[in-house]
């Protein structure tokens, strides 16, 4: 992971990020669709993290080396417009209530799985 791309105002809490604050670039953009178009042109596979009818289970999904993980809003998730721009959508299987993890936990789980598949960086 070499950067985090946010839409809207982005704030980094340095007390929590500690040394990581100096190793990852954080970009802030007004809207996401143009960013996704550029990432695709740059050779990234766009993978959303969302529960949809056609989503793949995270534990059986093979990430591409150049993947951009797209994560939505805590409450509303990814819009239909954004989902239509993605190459794949993955979800984390959940049994029982609640039916999903919060966005921070789900993102960490997806990043862990990506890193597990590419242990040498």
PDB file of N, CA and C in Angstrom:
ATOM      1  N   UNK A   1       0.856  -1.160   0.000  1.00  0.00           N
ATOM      2  CA  UNK A   1       0.000   0.000   0.000  1.00  0.00           C
ATOM      3  C   UNK A   1       0.903   1.224   0.000  1.00  0.00           C
ATOM      4  N   UNK A   2       0.707   2.091  -0.983  1.00  0.00           N
ATOM      5  CA  UNK A   2       1.566   3.264  -1.037  1.00  0.00           C
ATOM      6  C   UNK A   2       0.827   4.571  -0.808  1.00  0.00           C
ATOM      7  N   UNK A   3      -0.517   4.520  -0.816  1.00  0.00           N
ATOM      8  CA  UNK A   3      -1.252   5.762  -0.566  1.00  0.00           C
ATOM      9  C   UNK A   3      -2.703   5.463  -0.202  1.00  0.00           C
ATOM     10  N   UNK A   4      -3.290   6.442   0.436  1.00  0.00           N
ATOM     11  CA  UNK A   4      -4.709   6.401   0.763  1.00  0.00           C
ATOM     12  C   UNK A   4      -5.345   7.578   0.044  1.00  0.00           C
ATOM     13  N   UNK A   5      -6.402   7.304  -0.709  1.00  0.00           N
ATOM     14  CA  UNK A   5      -7.102   8.349  -1.443  1.00  0.00           C
ATOM     15  C   UNK A   5      -8.462   8.548  -0.786  1.00  0.00           C
ATOM     16  N   UNK A   6      -8.741   9.760  -0.377  1.00  0.00           N
ATOM     17  CA  UNK A   6      -9.991  10.088   0.308  1.00  0.00           C
ATOM     18  C   UNK A   6     -10.791  11.079  -0.517  1.00  0.00           C
ATOM     19  N   UNK A   7     -12.093  11.068  -0.321  1.00  0.00           N
ATOM     20  CA  UNK A   7     -12.915  12.137  -0.872  1.00  0.00           C
ATOM     21  C   UNK A   7     -13.422  12.962   0.299  1.00  0.00           C
ATOM     22  N   UNK A   8     -13.481  14.243   0.089  1.00  0.00           N
ATOM     23  CA  UNK A   8     -13.853  15.130   1.180  1.00  0.00           C
ATOM     24  C   UNK A   8     -12.642  15.430   2.035  1.00  0.00           C
ATOM     25  N   UNK A   9     -12.864  16.097   3.152  1.00  0.00           N
ATOM     26  CA  UNK A   9     -11.732  16.460   4.009  1.00  0.00           C
ATOM     27  C   UNK A   9     -11.113  15.215   4.648  1.00  0.00           C
ATOM     28  N   UNK A  10      -9.801  15.180   4.654  1.00  0.00           N
ATOM     29  CA  UNK A  10      -9.084  14.048   5.247  1.00  0.00           C
ATOM     30  C   UNK A  10      -8.259  14.555   6.423  1.00  0.00           C
ATOM     31  N   UNK A  11      -8.308  13.822   7.497  1.00  0.00           N
ATOM     32  CA  UNK A  11      -7.546  14.210   8.681  1.00  0.00           C
ATOM     33  C   UNK A  11      -6.794  12.994   9.187  1.00  0.00           C
ATOM     34  N   UNK A  12      -5.536  13.179   9.482  1.00  0.00           N
ATOM     35  CA  UNK A  12      -4.701  12.114  10.019  1.00  0.00           C
ATOM     36  C   UNK A  12      -4.441  12.416  11.489  1.00  0.00           C
ATOM     37  N   UNK A  13      -4.791  11.495  12.341  1.00  0.00           N
ATOM     38  CA  UNK A  13      -4.551  11.656  13.774  1.00  0.00           C
ATOM     39  C   UNK A  13      -3.152  11.149  14.078  1.00  0.00           C
ATOM     40  N   UNK A  14      -2.180  12.045  14.150  1.00  0.00           N
ATOM     41  CA  UNK A  14      -0.775  11.685  14.289  1.00  0.00           C
ATOM     42  C   UNK A  14      -0.480  10.904  15.571  1.00  0.00           C
ATOM     43  N   UNK A  15      -1.210  11.152  16.644  1.00  0.00           N
ATOM     44  CA  UNK A  15      -0.972  10.410  17.893  1.00  0.00           C
ATOM     45  C   UNK A  15      -1.282   8.929  17.710  1.00  0.00           C
ATOM     46  N   UNK A  16      -2.236   8.624  16.849  1.00  0.00           N
ATOM     47  CA  UNK A  16      -2.613   7.227  16.611  1.00  0.00           C
ATOM     48  C   UNK A  16      -1.751   6.622  15.512  1.00  0.00           C
ATOM     49  N   UNK A  17      -1.529   7.375  14.430  1.00  0.00           N
ATOM     50  CA  UNK A  17      -0.775   6.862  13.279  1.00  0.00           C
ATOM     51  C   UNK A  17       0.706   6.682  13.587  1.00  0.00           C
ATOM     52  N   UNK A  18       1.247   7.488  14.475  1.00  0.00           N
ATOM     53  CA  UNK A  18       2.652   7.465  14.878  1.00  0.00           C
ATOM     54  C   UNK A  18       3.569   7.409  13.668  1.00  0.00           C
ATOM     55  N   UNK A  19       4.440   6.405  13.563  1.00  0.00           N
ATOM     56  CA  UNK A  19       5.417   6.331  12.474  1.00  0.00           C
ATOM     57  C   UNK A  19       4.769   6.143  11.113  1.00  0.00           C
ATOM     58  N   UNK A  20       3.592   5.539  11.067  1.00  0.00           N
ATOM     59  CA  UNK A  20       2.907   5.330   9.800  1.00  0.00           C
ATOM     60  C   UNK A  20       2.521   6.621   9.115  1.00  0.00           C
ATOM     61  N   UNK A  21       2.386   7.690   9.872  1.00  0.00           N
ATOM     62  CA  UNK A  21       2.000   8.983   9.297  1.00  0.00           C
ATOM     63  C   UNK A  21       3.029   9.490   8.298  1.00  0.00           C
ATOM     64  N   UNK A  22       4.273   9.068   8.447  1.00  0.00           N
ATOM     65  CA  UNK A  22       5.329   9.540   7.556  1.00  0.00           C
ATOM     66  C   UNK A  22       5.625   8.582   6.412  1.00  0.00           C
ATOM     67  N   UNK A  23       4.928   7.438   6.360  1.00  0.00           N
ATOM     68  CA  UNK A  23       5.249   6.448   5.335  1.00  0.00           C
ATOM     69  C   UNK A  23       4.172   6.284   4.274  1.00  0.00           C
ATOM     70  N   UNK A  24       2.986   6.803   4.527  1.00  0.00           N
ATOM     71  CA  UNK A  24       1.889   6.655   3.574  1.00  0.00           C
ATOM     72  C   UNK A  24       1.395   8.025   3.128  1.00  0.00           C
ATOM     73  N   UNK A  25       1.293   8.206   1.835  1.00  0.00           N
ATOM     74  CA  UNK A  25       0.777   9.440   1.262  1.00  0.00           C
ATOM     75  C   UNK A  25      -0.743   9.452   1.355  1.00  0.00           C
ATOM     76  N   UNK A  26      -1.301  10.549   1.804  1.00  0.00           N
ATOM     77  CA  UNK A  26      -2.752  10.695   1.854  1.00  0.00           C
ATOM     78  C   UNK A  26      -3.152  11.781   0.862  1.00  0.00           C
ATOM     79  N   UNK A  27      -4.023  11.405  -0.083  1.00  0.00           N
ATOM     80  CA  UNK A  27      -4.531  12.339  -1.083  1.00  0.00           C
ATOM     81  C   UNK A  27      -5.994  12.620  -0.795  1.00  0.00           C
ATOM     82  N   UNK A  28      -6.418  13.830  -1.045  1.00  0.00           N
ATOM     83  CA  UNK A  28      -7.823  14.177  -0.867  1.00  0.00           C
ATOM     84  C   UNK A  28      -8.356  14.740  -2.185  1.00  0.00           C
ATOM     85  N   UNK A  29      -9.493  14.196  -2.629  1.00  0.00           N
ATOM     86  CA  UNK A  29     -10.123  14.631  -3.877  1.00  0.00           C
ATOM     87  C   UNK A  29     -11.583  14.971  -3.607  1.00  0.00           C
ATOM     88  N   UNK A  30     -12.144  15.786  -4.466  1.00  0.00           N
ATOM     89  CA  UNK A  30     -13.532  16.205  -4.290  1.00  0.00           C
ATOM     90  C   UNK A  30     -14.512  15.076  -4.562  1.00  0.00           C
ATOM     91  N   UNK A  31     -14.280  14.312  -5.651  1.00  0.00           N
ATOM     92  CA  UNK A  31     -15.157  13.194  -5.999  1.00  0.00           C
ATOM     93  C   UNK A  31     -14.316  11.980  -6.385  1.00  0.00           C
ATOM     94  N   UNK A  32     -14.914  10.815  -6.287  1.00  0.00           N
ATOM     95  CA  UNK A  32     -14.179   9.572  -6.528  1.00  0.00           C
ATOM     96  C   UNK A  32     -14.178   9.084  -7.977  1.00  0.00           C
ATOM     97  N   UNK A  33     -15.246   9.233  -8.765  1.00  0.00           N
ATOM     98  CA  UNK A  33     -15.232   8.661 -10.125  1.00  0.00           C
ATOM     99  C   UNK A  33     -14.023   9.039 -10.988  1.00  0.00           C
ATOM    100  N   UNK A  34     -13.589  10.311 -11.033  1.00  0.00           N
ATOM    101  CA  UNK A  34     -12.399  10.602 -11.849  1.00  0.00           C
ATOM    102  C   UNK A  34     -11.134   9.907 -11.327  1.00  0.00           C
ATOM    103  N   UNK A  35     -11.046   9.750 -10.021  1.00  0.00           N
ATOM    104  CA  UNK A  35      -9.893   9.061  -9.429  1.00  0.00           C
ATOM    105  C   UNK A  35      -9.894   7.594  -9.849  1.00  0.00           C
ATOM    106  N   UNK A  36     -11.066   6.966  -9.821  1.00  0.00           N
ATOM    107  CA  UNK A  36     -11.157   5.560 -10.236  1.00  0.00           C
ATOM    108  C   UNK A  36     -10.799   5.400 -11.708  1.00  0.00           C
ATOM    109  N   UNK A  37     -11.242   6.325 -12.536  1.00  0.00           N
ATOM    110  CA  UNK A  37     -10.885   6.268 -13.966  1.00  0.00           C
ATOM    111  C   UNK A  37      -9.372   6.334 -14.149  1.00  0.00           C
ATOM    112  N   UNK A  38      -8.705   7.204 -13.398  1.00  0.00           N
ATOM    113  CA  UNK A  38      -7.257   7.334 -13.516  1.00  0.00           C
ATOM    114  C   UNK A  38      -6.543   6.085 -12.991  1.00  0.00           C
ATOM    115  N   UNK A  39      -7.027   5.549 -11.891  1.00  0.00           N
ATOM    116  CA  UNK A  39      -6.422   4.324 -11.358  1.00  0.00           C
ATOM    117  C   UNK A  39      -6.525   3.184 -12.365  1.00  0.00           C
ATOM    118  N   UNK A  40      -7.671   3.061 -13.027  1.00  0.00           N
ATOM    119  CA  UNK A  40      -7.837   2.019 -14.047  1.00  0.00           C
ATOM    120  C   UNK A  40      -6.847   2.249 -15.199  1.00  0.00           C
ATOM    121  N   UNK A  41      -6.702   3.489 -15.643  1.00  0.00           N
ATOM    122  CA  UNK A  41      -5.738   3.796 -16.708  1.00  0.00           C
ATOM    123  C   UNK A  41      -4.315   3.452 -16.285  1.00  0.00           C
ATOM    124  N   UNK A  42      -4.038   3.588 -14.977  1.00  0.00           N
ATOM    125  CA  UNK A  42      -2.709   3.285 -14.445  1.00  0.00           C
ATOM    126  C   UNK A  42      -2.499   1.788 -14.216  1.00  0.00           C
ATOM    127  N   UNK A  43      -3.497   0.977 -14.574  1.00  0.00           N
ATOM    128  CA  UNK A  43      -3.335  -0.467 -14.489  1.00  0.00           C
ATOM    129  C   UNK A  43      -3.812  -1.117 -13.205  1.00  0.00           C
ATOM    130  N   UNK A  44      -4.570  -0.393 -12.400  1.00  0.00           N
ATOM    131  CA  UNK A  44      -5.095  -0.980 -11.166  1.00  0.00           C
ATOM    132  C   UNK A  44      -6.411  -1.693 -11.421  1.00  0.00           C
ATOM    133  N   UNK A  45      -6.628  -2.767 -10.706  1.00  0.00           N
ATOM    134  CA  UNK A  45      -7.920  -3.451 -10.699  1.00  0.00           C
ATOM    135  C   UNK A  45      -8.697  -2.860  -9.536  1.00  0.00           C
ATOM    136  N   UNK A  46      -9.916  -2.409  -9.796  1.00  0.00           N
ATOM    137  CA  UNK A  46     -10.733  -1.724  -8.799  1.00  0.00           C
ATOM    138  C   UNK A  46     -11.618  -2.738  -8.087  1.00  0.00           C
ATOM    139  N   UNK A  47     -11.397  -2.891  -6.790  1.00  0.00           N
ATOM    140  CA  UNK A  47     -12.123  -3.877  -5.991  1.00  0.00           C
ATOM    141  C   UNK A  47     -12.842  -3.157  -4.860  1.00  0.00           C
ATOM    142  N   UNK A  48     -14.164  -3.264  -4.858  1.00  0.00           N
ATOM    143  CA  UNK A  48     -14.963  -2.642  -3.816  1.00  0.00           C
ATOM    144  C   UNK A  48     -15.165  -3.576  -2.647  1.00  0.00           C
ATOM    145  N   UNK A  49     -15.345  -2.998  -1.483  1.00  0.00           N
ATOM    146  CA  UNK A  49     -15.643  -3.752  -0.271  1.00  0.00           C
ATOM    147  C   UNK A  49     -17.081  -3.429   0.111  1.00  0.00           C
ATOM    148  N   UNK A  50     -17.982  -4.349  -0.221  1.00  0.00           N
ATOM    149  CA  UNK A  50     -19.422  -4.087  -0.046  1.00  0.00           C
ATOM    150  C   UNK A  50     -20.184  -5.399  -0.136  1.00  0.00           C
ATOM    151  N   UNK A  51     -21.308  -5.471   0.532  1.00  0.00           N
ATOM    152  CA  UNK A  51     -22.189  -6.630   0.414  1.00  0.00           C
ATOM    153  C   UNK A  51     -23.161  -6.377  -0.728  1.00  0.00           C
ATOM    154  N   UNK A  52     -23.023  -7.167  -1.810  1.00  0.00           N
ATOM    155  CA  UNK A  52     -23.914  -7.046  -2.955  1.00  0.00           C
ATOM    156  C   UNK A  52     -24.326  -8.445  -3.401  1.00  0.00           C
ATOM    157  N   UNK A  53     -25.270  -8.500  -4.305  1.00  0.00           N
ATOM    158  CA  UNK A  53     -25.727  -9.784  -4.830  1.00  0.00           C
ATOM    159  C   UNK A  53     -24.593 -10.542  -5.515  1.00  0.00           C
ATOM    160  N   UNK A  54     -23.730  -9.844  -6.229  1.00  0.00           N
ATOM    161  CA  UNK A  54     -22.672 -10.502  -6.980  1.00  0.00           C
ATOM    162  C   UNK A  54     -21.296 -10.440  -6.345  1.00  0.00           C
ATOM    163  N   UNK A  55     -21.211 -10.106  -5.072  1.00  0.00           N
ATOM    164  CA  UNK A  55     -19.890  -9.980  -4.454  1.00  0.00           C
ATOM    165  C   UNK A  55     -19.273 -11.342  -4.165  1.00  0.00           C
ATOM    166  N   UNK A  56     -17.947 -11.364  -4.120  1.00  0.00           N
ATOM    167  CA  UNK A  56     -17.170 -12.570  -3.835  1.00  0.00           C
ATOM    168  C   UNK A  56     -16.816 -12.593  -2.353  1.00  0.00           C
ATOM    169  N   UNK A  57     -16.723 -13.790  -1.772  1.00  0.00           N
ATOM    170  CA  UNK A  57     -16.255 -13.895  -0.392  1.00  0.00           C
ATOM    171  C   UNK A  57     -14.782 -13.518  -0.329  1.00  0.00           C
ATOM    172  N   UNK A  58     -14.438 -12.691   0.620  1.00  0.00           N
ATOM    173  CA  UNK A  58     -13.055 -12.239   0.767  1.00  0.00           C
ATOM    174  C   UNK A  58     -12.089 -13.400   0.951  1.00  0.00           C
ATOM    175  N   UNK A  59     -12.506 -14.421   1.685  1.00  0.00           N
ATOM    176  CA  UNK A  59     -11.591 -15.518   1.989  1.00  0.00           C
ATOM    177  C   UNK A  59     -11.283 -16.429   0.801  1.00  0.00           C
ATOM    178  N   UNK A  60     -11.995 -16.280  -0.300  1.00  0.00           N
ATOM    179  CA  UNK A  60     -11.694 -17.088  -1.487  1.00  0.00           C
ATOM    180  C   UNK A  60     -11.377 -16.216  -2.706  1.00  0.00           C
ATOM    181  N   UNK A  61     -11.170 -14.929  -2.502  1.00  0.00           N
ATOM    182  CA  UNK A  61     -10.906 -14.002  -3.602  1.00  0.00           C
ATOM    183  C   UNK A  61      -9.403 -13.875  -3.833  1.00  0.00           C
ATOM    184  N   UNK A  62      -8.994 -13.966  -5.095  1.00  0.00           N
ATOM    185  CA  UNK A  62      -7.588 -13.783  -5.463  1.00  0.00           C
ATOM    186  C   UNK A  62      -7.385 -12.343  -5.920  1.00  0.00           C
ATOM    187  N   UNK A  63      -6.684 -11.580  -5.103  1.00  0.00           N
ATOM    188  CA  UNK A  63      -6.382 -10.192  -5.458  1.00  0.00           C
ATOM    189  C   UNK A  63      -5.345 -10.141  -6.569  1.00  0.00           C
ATOM    190  N   UNK A  64      -5.433  -9.142  -7.401  1.00  0.00           N
ATOM    191  CA  UNK A  64      -4.378  -8.839  -8.369  1.00  0.00           C
ATOM    192  C   UNK A  64      -3.326  -8.014  -7.633  1.00  0.00           C
ATOM    193  N   UNK A  65      -2.109  -8.113  -8.099  1.00  0.00           N
ATOM    194  CA  UNK A  65      -1.015  -7.373  -7.462  1.00  0.00           C
ATOM    195  C   UNK A  65      -1.339  -5.872  -7.409  1.00  0.00           C
ATOM    196  N   UNK A  66      -1.779  -5.318  -8.528  1.00  0.00           N
ATOM    197  CA  UNK A  66      -2.117  -3.887  -8.570  1.00  0.00           C
ATOM    198  C   UNK A  66      -3.622  -3.734  -8.345  1.00  0.00           C
ATOM    199  N   UNK A  67      -3.990  -3.654  -7.093  1.00  0.00           N
ATOM    200  CA  UNK A  67      -5.389  -3.528  -6.705  1.00  0.00           C
ATOM    201  C   UNK A  67      -5.603  -2.216  -5.980  1.00  0.00           C
ATOM    202  N   UNK A  68      -6.694  -1.544  -6.307  1.00  0.00           N
ATOM    203  CA  UNK A  68      -7.141  -0.381  -5.541  1.00  0.00           C
ATOM    204  C   UNK A  68      -8.391  -0.823  -4.794  1.00  0.00           C
ATOM    205  N   UNK A  69      -8.317  -0.837  -3.475  1.00  0.00           N
ATOM    206  CA  UNK A  69      -9.460  -1.218  -2.645  1.00  0.00           C
ATOM    207  C   UNK A  69     -10.333   0.011  -2.445  1.00  0.00           C
ATOM    208  N   UNK A  70     -11.596  -0.114  -2.814  1.00  0.00           N
ATOM    209  CA  UNK A  70     -12.538   1.010  -2.737  1.00  0.00           C
ATOM    210  C   UNK A  70     -13.510   0.735  -1.586  1.00  0.00           C
ATOM    211  N   UNK A  71     -13.516   1.635  -0.617  1.00  0.00           N
ATOM    212  CA  UNK A  71     -14.314   1.468   0.591  1.00  0.00           C
ATOM    213  C   UNK A  71     -15.277   2.645   0.694  1.00  0.00           C
ATOM    214  N   UNK A  72     -16.515   2.349   1.023  1.00  0.00           N
ATOM    215  CA  UNK A  72     -17.532   3.386   1.079  1.00  0.00           C
ATOM    216  C   UNK A  72     -17.718   3.995   2.453  1.00  0.00           C
ATOM    217  N   UNK A  73     -18.779   4.743   2.563  1.00  0.00           N
ATOM    218  CA  UNK A  73     -19.180   5.416   3.779  1.00  0.00           C
ATOM    219  C   UNK A  73     -19.637   4.408   4.829  1.00  0.00           C
ATOM    220  N   UNK A  74     -19.407   4.709   6.085  1.00  0.00           N
ATOM    221  CA  UNK A  74     -19.789   3.812   7.190  1.00  0.00           C
ATOM    222  C   UNK A  74     -21.254   3.408   7.131  1.00  0.00           C
ATOM    223  N   UNK A  75     -22.138   4.344   6.892  1.00  0.00           N
ATOM    224  CA  UNK A  75     -23.581   4.067   6.909  1.00  0.00           C
ATOM    225  C   UNK A  75     -24.143   3.671   5.549  1.00  0.00           C
ATOM    226  N   UNK A  76     -23.747   4.387   4.511  1.00  0.00           N
ATOM    227  CA  UNK A  76     -24.381   4.181   3.202  1.00  0.00           C
ATOM    228  C   UNK A  76     -23.587   3.270   2.261  1.00  0.00           C
ATOM    229  N   UNK A  77     -22.346   2.952   2.592  1.00  0.00           N
ATOM    230  CA  UNK A  77     -21.554   2.066   1.741  1.00  0.00           C
ATOM    231  C   UNK A  77     -21.192   2.711   0.413  1.00  0.00           C
ATOM    232  N   UNK A  78     -21.055   1.892  -0.617  1.00  0.00           N
ATOM    233  CA  UNK A  78     -20.729   2.362  -1.964  1.00  0.00           C
ATOM    234  C   UNK A  78     -22.016   2.590  -2.749  1.00  0.00           C
ATOM    235  N   UNK A  79     -22.074   3.690  -3.474  1.00  0.00           N
ATOM    236  CA  UNK A  79     -23.257   3.987  -4.276  1.00  0.00           C
ATOM    237  C   UNK A  79     -23.314   3.070  -5.490  1.00  0.00           C
ATOM    238  N   UNK A  80     -24.484   2.968  -6.072  1.00  0.00           N
ATOM    239  CA  UNK A  80     -24.643   2.158  -7.286  1.00  0.00           C
ATOM    240  C   UNK A  80     -23.741   2.685  -8.398  1.00  0.00           C
ATOM    241  N   UNK A  81     -23.612   3.993  -8.502  1.00  0.00           N
ATOM    242  CA  UNK A  81     -22.745   4.604  -9.514  1.00  0.00           C
ATOM    243  C   UNK A  81     -21.294   4.129  -9.346  1.00  0.00           C
ATOM    244  N   UNK A  82     -20.813   4.090  -8.118  1.00  0.00           N
ATOM    245  CA  UNK A  82     -19.447   3.629  -7.882  1.00  0.00           C
ATOM    246  C   UNK A  82     -19.316   2.125  -8.112  1.00  0.00           C
ATOM    247  N   UNK A  83     -20.308   1.360  -7.679  1.00  0.00           N
ATOM    248  CA  UNK A  83     -20.272  -0.090  -7.889  1.00  0.00           C
ATOM    249  C   UNK A  83     -20.148  -0.434  -9.367  1.00  0.00           C
ATOM    250  N   UNK A  84     -20.788   0.348 -10.221  1.00  0.00           N
ATOM    251  CA  UNK A  84     -20.744   0.099 -11.665  1.00  0.00           C
ATOM    252  C   UNK A  84     -19.372   0.366 -12.255  1.00  0.00           C
ATOM    253  N   UNK A  85     -18.535   1.114 -11.570  1.00  0.00           N
ATOM    254  CA  UNK A  85     -17.186   1.406 -12.055  1.00  0.00           C
ATOM    255  C   UNK A  85     -16.165   0.350 -11.643  1.00  0.00           C
ATOM    256  N   UNK A  86     -16.539  -0.551 -10.752  1.00  0.00           N
ATOM    257  CA  UNK A  86     -15.587  -1.496 -10.185  1.00  0.00           C
ATOM    258  C   UNK A  86     -15.443  -2.758 -11.031  1.00  0.00           C
ATOM    259  N   UNK A  87     -14.272  -3.373 -10.912  1.00  0.00           N
ATOM    260  CA  UNK A  87     -14.031  -4.644 -11.593  1.00  0.00           C
ATOM    261  C   UNK A  87     -14.585  -5.816 -10.787  1.00  0.00           C
ATOM    262  N   UNK A  88     -14.459  -5.738  -9.486  1.00  0.00           N
ATOM    263  CA  UNK A  88     -14.917  -6.798  -8.586  1.00  0.00           C
ATOM    264  C   UNK A  88     -15.429  -6.163  -7.296  1.00  0.00           C
ATOM    265  N   UNK A  89     -16.246  -6.925  -6.589  1.00  0.00           N
ATOM    266  CA  UNK A  89     -16.698  -6.515  -5.264  1.00  0.00           C
ATOM    267  C   UNK A  89     -16.512  -7.712  -4.342  1.00  0.00           C
ATOM    268  N   UNK A  90     -15.913  -7.471  -3.174  1.00  0.00           N
ATOM    269  CA  UNK A  90     -15.726  -8.522  -2.180  1.00  0.00           C
ATOM    270  C   UNK A  90     -16.499  -8.172  -0.917  1.00  0.00           C
ATOM    271  N   UNK A  91     -16.891  -9.210  -0.203  1.00  0.00           N
ATOM    272  CA  UNK A  91     -17.536  -9.005   1.085  1.00  0.00           C
ATOM    273  C   UNK A  91     -16.951  -9.987   2.083  1.00  0.00           C
ATOM    274  N   UNK A  92     -17.078  -9.643   3.351  1.00  0.00           N
ATOM    275  CA  UNK A  92     -16.588 -10.499   4.418  1.00  0.00           C
ATOM    276  C   UNK A  92     -17.770 -11.295   4.944  1.00  0.00           C
ATOM    277  N   UNK A  93     -17.697 -12.629   4.858  1.00  0.00           N
ATOM    278  CA  UNK A  93     -18.808 -13.440   5.355  1.00  0.00           C
ATOM    279  C   UNK A  93     -19.035 -13.181   6.849  1.00  0.00           C
ATOM    280  N   UNK A  94     -20.289 -13.002   7.227  1.00  0.00           N
ATOM    281  CA  UNK A  94     -20.659 -12.743   8.617  1.00  0.00           C
ATOM    282  C   UNK A  94     -21.796 -13.690   8.975  1.00  0.00           C
ATOM    283  N   UNK A  95     -21.677 -14.312  10.118  1.00  0.00           N
ATOM    284  CA  UNK A  95     -22.741 -15.194  10.592  1.00  0.00           C
ATOM    285  C   UNK A  95     -23.334 -14.573  11.847  1.00  0.00           C
ATOM    286  N   UNK A  96     -24.644 -14.439  11.870  1.00  0.00           N
ATOM    287  CA  UNK A  96     -25.315 -13.848  13.023  1.00  0.00           C
ATOM    288  C   UNK A  96     -25.396 -12.339  12.922  1.00  0.00           C
ATOM    289  N   UNK A  97     -25.786 -11.737  14.022  1.00  0.00           N
ATOM    290  CA  UNK A  97     -25.942 -10.279  14.067  1.00  0.00           C
ATOM    291  C   UNK A  97     -24.708  -9.639  14.661  1.00  0.00           C
ATOM    292  N   UNK A  98     -24.321  -8.432  14.266  1.00  0.00           N
ATOM    293  CA  UNK A  98     -24.888  -7.674  13.151  1.00  0.00           C
ATOM    294  C   UNK A  98     -24.467  -8.295  11.826  1.00  0.00           C
ATOM    295  N   UNK A  99     -25.052  -7.842  10.749  1.00  0.00           N
ATOM    296  CA  UNK A  99     -24.818  -8.453   9.440  1.00  0.00           C
ATOM    297  C   UNK A  99     -23.545  -7.983   8.753  1.00  0.00           C
ATOM    298  N   UNK A 100     -22.844  -7.031   9.353  1.00  0.00           N
ATOM    299  CA  UNK A 100     -21.606  -6.542   8.743  1.00  0.00           C
ATOM    300  C   UNK A 100     -20.694  -5.965   9.823  1.00  0.00           C
ATOM    301  N   UNK A 101     -19.423  -5.799   9.459  1.00  0.00           N
ATOM    302  CA  UNK A 101     -18.445  -5.164  10.336  1.00  0.00           C
ATOM    303  C   UNK A 101     -18.442  -3.668  10.067  1.00  0.00           C
ATOM    304  N   UNK A 102     -17.932  -2.877  11.012  1.00  0.00           N
ATOM    305  CA  UNK A 102     -17.829  -1.448  10.714  1.00  0.00           C
ATOM    306  C   UNK A 102     -16.747  -1.249   9.662  1.00  0.00           C
ATOM    307  N   UNK A 103     -16.761  -0.094   9.032  1.00  0.00           N
ATOM    308  CA  UNK A 103     -15.908   0.140   7.865  1.00  0.00           C
ATOM    309  C   UNK A 103     -14.421   0.036   8.198  1.00  0.00           C
ATOM    310  N   UNK A 104     -14.008   0.497   9.365  1.00  0.00           N
ATOM    311  CA  UNK A 104     -12.589   0.425   9.731  1.00  0.00           C
ATOM    312  C   UNK A 104     -12.153  -1.023   9.905  1.00  0.00           C
ATOM    313  N   UNK A 105     -12.940  -1.813  10.609  1.00  0.00           N
ATOM    314  CA  UNK A 105     -12.606  -3.220  10.829  1.00  0.00           C
ATOM    315  C   UNK A 105     -12.602  -3.991   9.515  1.00  0.00           C
ATOM    316  N   UNK A 106     -13.615  -3.770   8.688  1.00  0.00           N
ATOM    317  CA  UNK A 106     -13.697  -4.463   7.398  1.00  0.00           C
ATOM    318  C   UNK A 106     -12.518  -4.102   6.498  1.00  0.00           C
ATOM    319  N   UNK A 107     -12.127  -2.844   6.499  1.00  0.00           N
ATOM    320  CA  UNK A 107     -10.995  -2.403   5.675  1.00  0.00           C
ATOM    321  C   UNK A 107      -9.712  -3.089   6.120  1.00  0.00           C
ATOM    322  N   UNK A 108      -9.488  -3.140   7.416  1.00  0.00           N
ATOM    323  CA  UNK A 108      -8.289  -3.804   7.937  1.00  0.00           C
ATOM    324  C   UNK A 108      -8.289  -5.281   7.562  1.00  0.00           C
ATOM    325  N   UNK A 109      -9.437  -5.924   7.634  1.00  0.00           N
ATOM    326  CA  UNK A 109      -9.519  -7.342   7.274  1.00  0.00           C
ATOM    327  C   UNK A 109      -9.191  -7.540   5.800  1.00  0.00           C
ATOM    328  N   UNK A 110      -9.696  -6.684   4.936  1.00  0.00           N
ATOM    329  CA  UNK A 110      -9.422  -6.789   3.499  1.00  0.00           C
ATOM    330  C   UNK A 110      -7.950  -6.514   3.203  1.00  0.00           C
ATOM    331  N   UNK A 111      -7.368  -5.507   3.855  1.00  0.00           N
ATOM    332  CA  UNK A 111      -5.950  -5.212   3.653  1.00  0.00           C
ATOM    333  C   UNK A 111      -5.071  -6.354   4.159  1.00  0.00           C
ATOM    334  N   UNK A 112      -5.463  -6.958   5.267  1.00  0.00           N
ATOM    335  CA  UNK A 112      -4.730  -8.108   5.782  1.00  0.00           C
ATOM    336  C   UNK A 112      -4.734  -9.250   4.755  1.00  0.00           C
ATOM    337  N   UNK A 113      -5.910  -9.523   4.180  1.00  0.00           N
ATOM    338  CA  UNK A 113      -6.001 -10.609   3.204  1.00  0.00           C
ATOM    339  C   UNK A 113      -5.144 -10.303   1.976  1.00  0.00           C
ATOM    340  N   UNK A 114      -5.161  -9.051   1.513  1.00  0.00           N
ATOM    341  CA  UNK A 114      -4.311  -8.668   0.386  1.00  0.00           C
ATOM    342  C   UNK A 114      -2.837  -8.920   0.739  1.00  0.00           C
ATOM    343  N   UNK A 115      -2.413  -8.465   1.902  1.00  0.00           N
ATOM    344  CA  UNK A 115      -1.013  -8.624   2.318  1.00  0.00           C
ATOM    345  C   UNK A 115      -0.658 -10.095   2.532  1.00  0.00           C
ATOM    346  N   UNK A 116      -1.599 -10.903   2.982  1.00  0.00           N
ATOM    347  CA  UNK A 116      -1.361 -12.332   3.154  1.00  0.00           C
ATOM    348  C   UNK A 116      -1.068 -12.997   1.808  1.00  0.00           C
ATOM    349  N   UNK A 117      -1.765 -12.523   0.768  1.00  0.00           N
ATOM    350  CA  UNK A 117      -1.563 -13.096  -0.565  1.00  0.00           C
ATOM    351  C   UNK A 117      -0.247 -12.643  -1.202  1.00  0.00           C
ATOM    352  N   UNK A 118       0.305 -11.530  -0.747  1.00  0.00           N
ATOM    353  CA  UNK A 118       1.565 -11.012  -1.289  1.00  0.00           C
ATOM    354  C   UNK A 118       2.532 -10.764  -0.133  1.00  0.00           C
ATOM    355  N   UNK A 119       3.024 -11.836   0.516  1.00  0.00           N
ATOM    356  CA  UNK A 119       3.819 -11.680   1.732  1.00  0.00           C
ATOM    357  C   UNK A 119       5.172 -10.991   1.532  1.00  0.00           C
ATOM    358  N   UNK A 120       5.658 -10.950   0.317  1.00  0.00           N
ATOM    359  CA  UNK A 120       6.955 -10.319   0.061  1.00  0.00           C
ATOM    360  C   UNK A 120       6.817  -8.885  -0.438  1.00  0.00           C
ATOM    361  N   UNK A 121       5.640  -8.321  -0.244  1.00  0.00           N
ATOM    362  CA  UNK A 121       5.431  -6.935  -0.639  1.00  0.00           C
ATOM    363  C   UNK A 121       5.003  -6.757  -2.057  1.00  0.00           C
TER     364      UNK A 121
END
